[in-house]
Structures are given as C-alpha cells and as structure tokens.
N, C-alpha and C. Protein backbone atom coordinates (compact mmCIF):
# COMPACT_ATOMS: atom_id res chain seq x y z
N MET A 1 -5.44 -2.56 -179.62
CA MET A 1 -4.31 -3.00 -180.34
C MET A 1 -4.58 -2.91 -182.02
N ALA A 2 -3.61 -2.43 -182.63
CA ALA A 2 -4.05 -2.08 -184.18
C ALA A 2 -3.83 -3.54 -184.79
N SER A 3 -4.96 -3.79 -185.73
CA SER A 3 -5.00 -5.23 -186.33
C SER A 3 -5.69 -4.88 -187.66
N SER A 4 -5.49 -5.94 -188.64
CA SER A 4 -6.07 -5.83 -189.98
C SER A 4 -5.84 -7.14 -190.43
N ALA A 5 -6.80 -7.42 -191.47
CA ALA A 5 -7.03 -8.74 -191.99
C ALA A 5 -6.02 -8.34 -193.60
N VAL A 6 -4.96 -9.35 -193.62
CA VAL A 6 -4.27 -9.18 -194.85
C VAL A 6 -4.03 -10.47 -195.58
N ALA A 7 -4.20 -10.54 -196.68
CA ALA A 7 -4.07 -11.81 -197.67
C ALA A 7 -2.60 -11.81 -198.35
N SER A 8 -1.83 -12.94 -198.07
CA SER A 8 -0.56 -12.72 -198.75
C SER A 8 -0.91 -13.68 -200.07
N SER A 9 0.30 -13.53 -200.79
CA SER A 9 0.21 -14.26 -202.25
C SER A 9 -0.30 -15.49 -202.16
N GLY A 10 0.07 -16.35 -201.17
CA GLY A 10 0.05 -17.85 -201.05
C GLY A 10 -1.57 -17.89 -200.28
N GLU A 11 -2.11 -16.96 -199.96
CA GLU A 11 -3.72 -16.88 -199.38
C GLU A 11 -4.74 -16.47 -200.41
N SER A 12 -5.49 -17.08 -200.89
CA SER A 12 -6.43 -16.57 -201.78
C SER A 12 -7.77 -16.21 -201.05
N ALA A 13 -8.57 -17.43 -200.69
CA ALA A 13 -9.68 -17.08 -199.98
C ALA A 13 -9.64 -16.77 -198.36
N SER A 14 -8.45 -17.32 -197.85
CA SER A 14 -8.27 -16.92 -196.34
C SER A 14 -7.59 -15.94 -196.23
N GLN A 15 -7.84 -15.04 -195.34
CA GLN A 15 -6.93 -14.16 -194.84
C GLN A 15 -6.37 -14.17 -193.46
N GLN A 16 -5.33 -13.66 -192.95
CA GLN A 16 -4.59 -13.82 -191.72
C GLN A 16 -4.76 -12.38 -191.15
N ILE A 17 -5.41 -12.55 -189.86
CA ILE A 17 -5.50 -11.36 -189.11
C ILE A 17 -4.10 -10.99 -188.34
N LEU A 18 -3.56 -9.81 -188.63
CA LEU A 18 -2.43 -9.35 -188.00
C LEU A 18 -2.64 -8.46 -186.82
N SER A 19 -2.01 -8.71 -186.05
CA SER A 19 -1.93 -7.83 -184.66
C SER A 19 -0.73 -7.40 -184.40
N VAL A 20 -0.71 -5.87 -184.04
CA VAL A 20 0.74 -5.60 -183.88
C VAL A 20 0.73 -5.63 -182.10
N GLN A 21 2.17 -5.89 -182.05
CA GLN A 21 2.58 -6.39 -180.68
C GLN A 21 3.73 -5.50 -180.34
N HIS A 22 4.01 -5.27 -179.05
CA HIS A 22 5.09 -4.48 -178.52
C HIS A 22 6.02 -4.84 -177.43
N ASP A 23 7.04 -5.01 -177.87
CA ASP A 23 8.25 -5.66 -176.91
C ASP A 23 9.10 -4.35 -176.44
N GLU A 24 8.87 -3.80 -175.36
CA GLU A 24 9.43 -2.78 -174.84
C GLU A 24 10.85 -3.02 -174.50
N ARG A 25 11.15 -4.15 -173.97
CA ARG A 25 12.60 -4.39 -173.81
C ARG A 25 13.39 -4.50 -174.85
N ARG A 26 12.83 -5.25 -175.99
CA ARG A 26 13.66 -5.16 -177.04
C ARG A 26 13.54 -3.74 -177.96
N ARG A 27 12.76 -3.16 -177.70
CA ARG A 27 12.36 -1.93 -178.39
C ARG A 27 11.99 -1.88 -179.85
N LYS A 28 10.78 -2.80 -179.87
CA LYS A 28 10.35 -3.03 -181.39
C LYS A 28 8.79 -3.07 -181.22
N PHE A 29 7.98 -2.93 -182.12
CA PHE A 29 6.86 -3.21 -182.55
C PHE A 29 6.87 -4.29 -183.62
N PHE A 30 5.97 -5.25 -183.44
CA PHE A 30 6.34 -6.54 -184.51
C PHE A 30 4.73 -7.10 -184.70
N ILE A 31 4.77 -7.78 -185.83
CA ILE A 31 3.51 -8.54 -186.03
C ILE A 31 4.13 -10.08 -186.44
N PRO A 32 3.87 -11.11 -185.62
CA PRO A 32 4.30 -12.46 -186.10
C PRO A 32 3.59 -12.64 -187.50
N ILE A 33 4.15 -13.50 -188.35
CA ILE A 33 3.52 -13.97 -189.40
C ILE A 33 3.38 -15.31 -189.43
N ASP A 34 2.09 -15.78 -189.62
CA ASP A 34 1.82 -17.27 -189.41
C ASP A 34 2.62 -17.99 -190.46
N GLY A 35 3.15 -19.25 -190.03
CA GLY A 35 3.83 -20.21 -190.91
C GLY A 35 5.13 -19.42 -191.47
N SER A 36 5.81 -18.50 -190.83
CA SER A 36 6.88 -18.03 -191.18
C SER A 36 7.93 -17.80 -190.11
N LYS A 37 9.03 -17.77 -190.31
CA LYS A 37 10.10 -17.42 -188.99
C LYS A 37 10.27 -16.23 -189.05
N GLU A 38 10.08 -15.39 -190.11
CA GLU A 38 10.09 -13.80 -190.05
C GLU A 38 9.03 -13.27 -189.42
N GLU A 39 8.99 -11.93 -188.92
CA GLU A 39 8.15 -11.10 -188.62
C GLU A 39 8.25 -9.85 -189.19
N ALA A 40 7.09 -9.07 -189.41
CA ALA A 40 7.17 -7.69 -189.89
C ALA A 40 7.52 -7.00 -188.47
N LEU A 41 8.31 -6.01 -188.69
CA LEU A 41 8.87 -5.25 -187.43
C LEU A 41 9.13 -3.45 -187.48
N LEU A 42 9.11 -2.94 -186.53
CA LEU A 42 9.71 -1.64 -186.56
C LEU A 42 10.42 -1.36 -185.20
N THR A 43 11.82 -1.27 -185.63
CA THR A 43 12.56 -0.83 -184.23
C THR A 43 12.82 0.59 -183.92
N TYR A 44 13.03 0.65 -182.62
CA TYR A 44 13.24 2.22 -182.33
C TYR A 44 14.30 2.30 -181.11
N ALA A 45 14.50 3.46 -180.90
CA ALA A 45 15.46 3.86 -179.87
C ALA A 45 15.03 5.03 -178.87
N LEU A 46 15.23 5.13 -177.98
CA LEU A 46 14.80 6.35 -176.77
C LEU A 46 16.07 7.14 -176.59
N PRO A 47 16.40 7.88 -177.54
CA PRO A 47 17.80 8.71 -177.36
C PRO A 47 17.78 9.66 -176.13
N LYS A 48 16.52 10.18 -175.81
CA LYS A 48 16.74 11.13 -175.04
C LYS A 48 15.03 10.66 -173.97
N SER A 49 14.73 11.11 -172.72
CA SER A 49 13.48 10.92 -172.14
C SER A 49 12.24 11.14 -172.76
N ASN A 50 12.55 12.06 -173.70
CA ASN A 50 11.25 12.53 -174.19
C ASN A 50 11.17 12.27 -175.75
N VAL A 51 12.20 11.57 -176.22
CA VAL A 51 12.12 11.37 -177.76
C VAL A 51 12.12 9.63 -178.14
N ILE A 52 11.29 9.52 -179.27
CA ILE A 52 11.43 8.15 -179.60
C ILE A 52 11.95 8.20 -180.88
N ASP A 53 12.96 7.54 -181.41
CA ASP A 53 13.55 7.50 -182.84
C ASP A 53 13.29 6.33 -183.58
N LEU A 54 12.11 6.28 -184.39
CA LEU A 54 11.59 5.27 -184.88
C LEU A 54 12.57 5.09 -186.33
N GLN A 55 13.39 4.01 -186.15
CA GLN A 55 14.81 3.75 -186.98
C GLN A 55 14.65 3.00 -188.24
N HIS A 56 13.96 1.86 -187.99
CA HIS A 56 13.93 0.91 -189.12
C HIS A 56 12.55 -0.10 -189.11
N THR A 57 12.04 -0.16 -190.59
CA THR A 57 10.87 -0.96 -190.51
C THR A 57 11.32 -2.12 -191.42
N PHE A 58 10.79 -3.31 -191.59
CA PHE A 58 10.99 -4.65 -192.10
C PHE A 58 9.66 -5.33 -192.34
N VAL A 59 9.19 -5.60 -193.41
CA VAL A 59 8.12 -6.43 -193.91
C VAL A 59 8.67 -7.42 -194.72
N PRO A 60 8.19 -8.86 -194.48
CA PRO A 60 8.63 -9.88 -195.59
C PRO A 60 7.90 -9.45 -196.61
N GLU A 61 8.62 -9.94 -197.80
CA GLU A 61 8.41 -9.49 -199.09
C GLU A 61 7.07 -9.89 -199.31
N GLU A 62 6.41 -11.06 -199.10
CA GLU A 62 5.14 -11.54 -199.59
C GLU A 62 3.99 -10.64 -198.89
N PHE A 63 4.38 -9.64 -197.80
CA PHE A 63 3.33 -9.03 -197.37
C PHE A 63 3.67 -7.45 -197.61
N ARG A 64 4.59 -7.18 -198.42
CA ARG A 64 4.85 -5.66 -198.89
C ARG A 64 3.77 -5.08 -199.80
N GLY A 65 3.42 -3.98 -199.28
CA GLY A 65 2.31 -3.17 -200.33
C GLY A 65 0.94 -3.63 -199.93
N LYS A 66 0.66 -4.18 -198.76
CA LYS A 66 -0.54 -4.55 -198.18
C LYS A 66 -0.83 -3.83 -196.83
N GLY A 67 -0.27 -2.76 -196.66
CA GLY A 67 -0.41 -2.16 -195.41
C GLY A 67 0.06 -2.59 -194.08
N VAL A 68 1.00 -3.71 -194.25
CA VAL A 68 1.55 -4.12 -192.95
C VAL A 68 2.34 -2.92 -192.29
N GLY A 69 3.33 -2.52 -193.01
CA GLY A 69 4.26 -1.31 -192.49
C GLY A 69 3.46 -0.33 -191.74
N ALA A 70 2.27 0.06 -192.48
CA ALA A 70 1.45 1.25 -192.00
C ALA A 70 0.94 0.83 -190.65
N LEU A 71 0.42 -0.45 -190.34
CA LEU A 71 0.03 -0.78 -188.99
C LEU A 71 1.09 -0.74 -188.10
N LEU A 72 2.40 -0.92 -188.35
CA LEU A 72 3.40 -0.87 -187.41
C LEU A 72 3.78 0.56 -187.01
N VAL A 73 3.65 1.50 -187.96
CA VAL A 73 3.87 2.86 -187.86
C VAL A 73 2.84 3.52 -187.16
N ALA A 74 1.39 3.41 -187.26
CA ALA A 74 0.41 3.74 -186.67
C ALA A 74 0.57 3.33 -185.36
N LYS A 75 0.70 2.13 -184.97
CA LYS A 75 0.83 1.71 -183.39
C LYS A 75 2.07 2.44 -182.80
N ALA A 76 3.23 2.61 -183.49
CA ALA A 76 4.36 3.41 -182.85
C ALA A 76 3.96 4.92 -182.68
N LEU A 77 3.37 5.49 -183.53
CA LEU A 77 2.79 6.84 -183.16
C LEU A 77 1.80 6.94 -182.12
N GLU A 78 0.84 5.92 -181.96
CA GLU A 78 -0.04 5.89 -180.95
C GLU A 78 0.75 5.90 -179.56
N PHE A 79 1.88 4.90 -179.57
CA PHE A 79 2.76 4.88 -178.26
C PHE A 79 3.25 6.02 -177.94
N ALA A 80 3.79 6.90 -178.96
CA ALA A 80 4.60 8.07 -178.82
C ALA A 80 3.69 9.12 -178.37
N ALA A 81 2.59 9.08 -178.73
CA ALA A 81 1.53 10.14 -178.31
C ALA A 81 0.97 9.73 -176.73
N GLU A 82 0.87 8.54 -176.53
CA GLU A 82 0.48 8.11 -175.18
C GLU A 82 1.56 8.46 -174.13
N LYS A 83 2.75 8.38 -174.49
CA LYS A 83 3.81 8.63 -173.48
C LYS A 83 4.39 9.96 -173.76
N ASP A 84 3.71 10.86 -174.27
CA ASP A 84 3.95 12.12 -174.60
C ASP A 84 5.39 12.37 -175.03
N LEU A 85 6.03 11.59 -176.01
CA LEU A 85 7.19 11.58 -176.59
C LEU A 85 7.17 12.17 -178.16
N LYS A 86 8.37 13.08 -178.28
CA LYS A 86 8.71 13.46 -179.83
C LYS A 86 9.03 12.45 -180.62
N ALA A 87 8.60 12.42 -181.85
CA ALA A 87 8.95 11.41 -182.82
C ALA A 87 10.01 11.82 -183.57
N GLN A 88 10.99 11.08 -183.47
CA GLN A 88 12.17 11.49 -184.79
C GLN A 88 12.04 10.40 -185.75
N LEU A 89 11.76 10.72 -187.06
CA LEU A 89 11.71 9.64 -188.00
C LEU A 89 12.91 9.15 -188.77
N THR A 90 13.70 8.65 -188.42
CA THR A 90 15.03 8.13 -188.88
C THR A 90 14.72 7.29 -189.99
N CYS A 91 13.64 6.59 -190.28
CA CYS A 91 13.56 5.35 -191.16
C CYS A 91 12.61 6.21 -192.20
N TRP A 92 12.82 5.97 -193.37
CA TRP A 92 12.51 6.49 -194.47
C TRP A 92 10.71 6.39 -194.61
N TYR A 93 10.58 4.98 -194.25
CA TYR A 93 9.23 4.66 -194.60
C TYR A 93 8.15 5.28 -193.24
N THR A 94 8.74 5.54 -192.29
CA THR A 94 7.81 6.31 -191.30
C THR A 94 7.86 7.69 -191.65
N ALA A 95 8.86 8.36 -192.26
CA ALA A 95 8.69 9.71 -192.50
C ALA A 95 7.92 9.78 -193.72
N GLU A 96 7.43 8.94 -194.78
CA GLU A 96 6.86 8.72 -195.85
C GLU A 96 5.32 8.63 -195.27
N TYR A 97 5.05 7.86 -194.38
CA TYR A 97 3.86 7.56 -193.65
C TYR A 97 3.34 8.73 -192.98
N VAL A 98 4.02 9.52 -192.21
CA VAL A 98 3.42 10.68 -191.62
C VAL A 98 3.29 11.63 -192.60
N GLU A 99 4.14 11.78 -193.55
CA GLU A 99 3.83 12.90 -194.58
C GLU A 99 2.56 12.52 -195.45
N LYS A 100 2.48 11.50 -195.84
CA LYS A 100 1.04 10.97 -196.43
C LYS A 100 -0.25 11.03 -195.74
N HIS A 101 0.13 10.81 -194.30
CA HIS A 101 -1.01 10.89 -193.36
C HIS A 101 -1.24 12.12 -192.52
N ARG A 102 -0.35 13.18 -192.83
CA ARG A 102 -0.35 14.35 -192.00
C ARG A 102 -1.82 15.21 -191.65
N ASP A 103 -2.58 15.01 -192.67
CA ASP A 103 -3.96 15.66 -192.59
C ASP A 103 -4.75 14.75 -191.49
N LYS A 104 -4.68 13.35 -191.49
CA LYS A 104 -5.25 12.59 -190.60
C LYS A 104 -4.76 12.58 -189.14
N ILE A 105 -3.54 12.71 -189.19
CA ILE A 105 -2.87 12.90 -187.78
C ILE A 105 -3.32 14.20 -187.09
N ALA A 106 -3.29 15.26 -187.84
CA ALA A 106 -3.53 16.50 -187.48
C ALA A 106 -5.04 16.68 -186.64
N VAL A 107 -6.12 15.76 -187.32
CA VAL A 107 -7.40 15.81 -186.70
C VAL A 107 -7.47 14.55 -185.72
N SER A 108 -6.72 13.70 -185.57
CA SER A 108 -6.97 12.83 -184.66
C SER A 108 -6.64 13.04 -183.17
N PRO A 109 -7.83 12.79 -182.57
CA PRO A 109 -7.64 13.20 -180.95
C PRO A 109 -6.64 12.88 -180.05
N SER A 110 -6.01 11.59 -180.52
CA SER A 110 -4.90 10.72 -179.86
C SER A 110 -3.75 11.27 -180.35
N LEU A 111 -3.58 11.75 -181.80
CA LEU A 111 -2.32 12.00 -182.31
C LEU A 111 -1.88 13.58 -182.41
N GLN A 112 -3.10 14.21 -182.58
CA GLN A 112 -2.80 15.60 -183.23
C GLN A 112 -1.79 16.46 -182.24
N LYS A 113 -1.34 16.03 -180.78
CA LYS A 113 -0.39 16.69 -180.20
C LYS A 113 0.85 16.33 -180.26
N LEU A 114 0.95 15.30 -181.16
CA LEU A 114 2.29 14.60 -181.25
C LEU A 114 3.28 15.56 -182.09
N GLN A 115 4.44 15.64 -181.52
CA GLN A 115 5.52 16.75 -182.25
C GLN A 115 6.60 15.65 -182.87
N PHE A 116 6.85 16.16 -184.04
CA PHE A 116 8.00 15.54 -184.82
C PHE A 116 9.23 16.42 -184.85
N LEU A 117 10.40 15.58 -184.85
CA LEU A 117 11.74 16.39 -184.72
C LEU A 117 12.24 16.31 -186.40
C-alpha cells in the first residue's frame, strides 16, 4: 500500500504517516487525515468493464503541495494496471501527474503496460 510521511503546517517536528486506502464500493481511494473530518481522496467511475475513469481529486488545503495527491494517483494507477484497465484521466490533476511522470511510468514493470484514453 502506498504510504509517505507528510508534515502539515501545524506539525513541525512530528510527521504523520499517510496510507492510501481503497473503498471499491464507494469507488474512491482515500487518505484519512488525523485530527480532521476531511480526507484526501480520488474518486473514479467504471464506465466500461475495461475502463477506469479517474474523475476527481481533493486534498485538504493544509496538505496541498506535499505529495498527497500524487500518492492517491499512484495507487489508482497501480490498481488500474493490476486489473488490466485502461485509464481515462478526466481529473486535471491525474492528467498532469501522468504527463509529469510519463518516463517513470514507461519503465515501471507494474505500470508500463497501462493504457491511457
């Protein structure tokens, strides 16, 4: 499972370990944020049996710019590759992530066969 240490603006010395979770029933990848009712999330749809549409990402303001969204997208792409799904990148952030990491995706044994629509 994808995880990373991230310090929010309210945390100076201590860091919170973030772990991406997957709720297939609600069709979302999410990261619970300690001490907050909010969660970072990436929602998706399955418009066809072989397509995952990555539709929306949200990261609470205090965690933006710290790689939290990237953790969500990376986990969603791993899921798509494992299930042999084609990825439709409706969310602008997912499209930006893929463009920025295209070289890394191309050489990743688990992601290189992933197809994008």
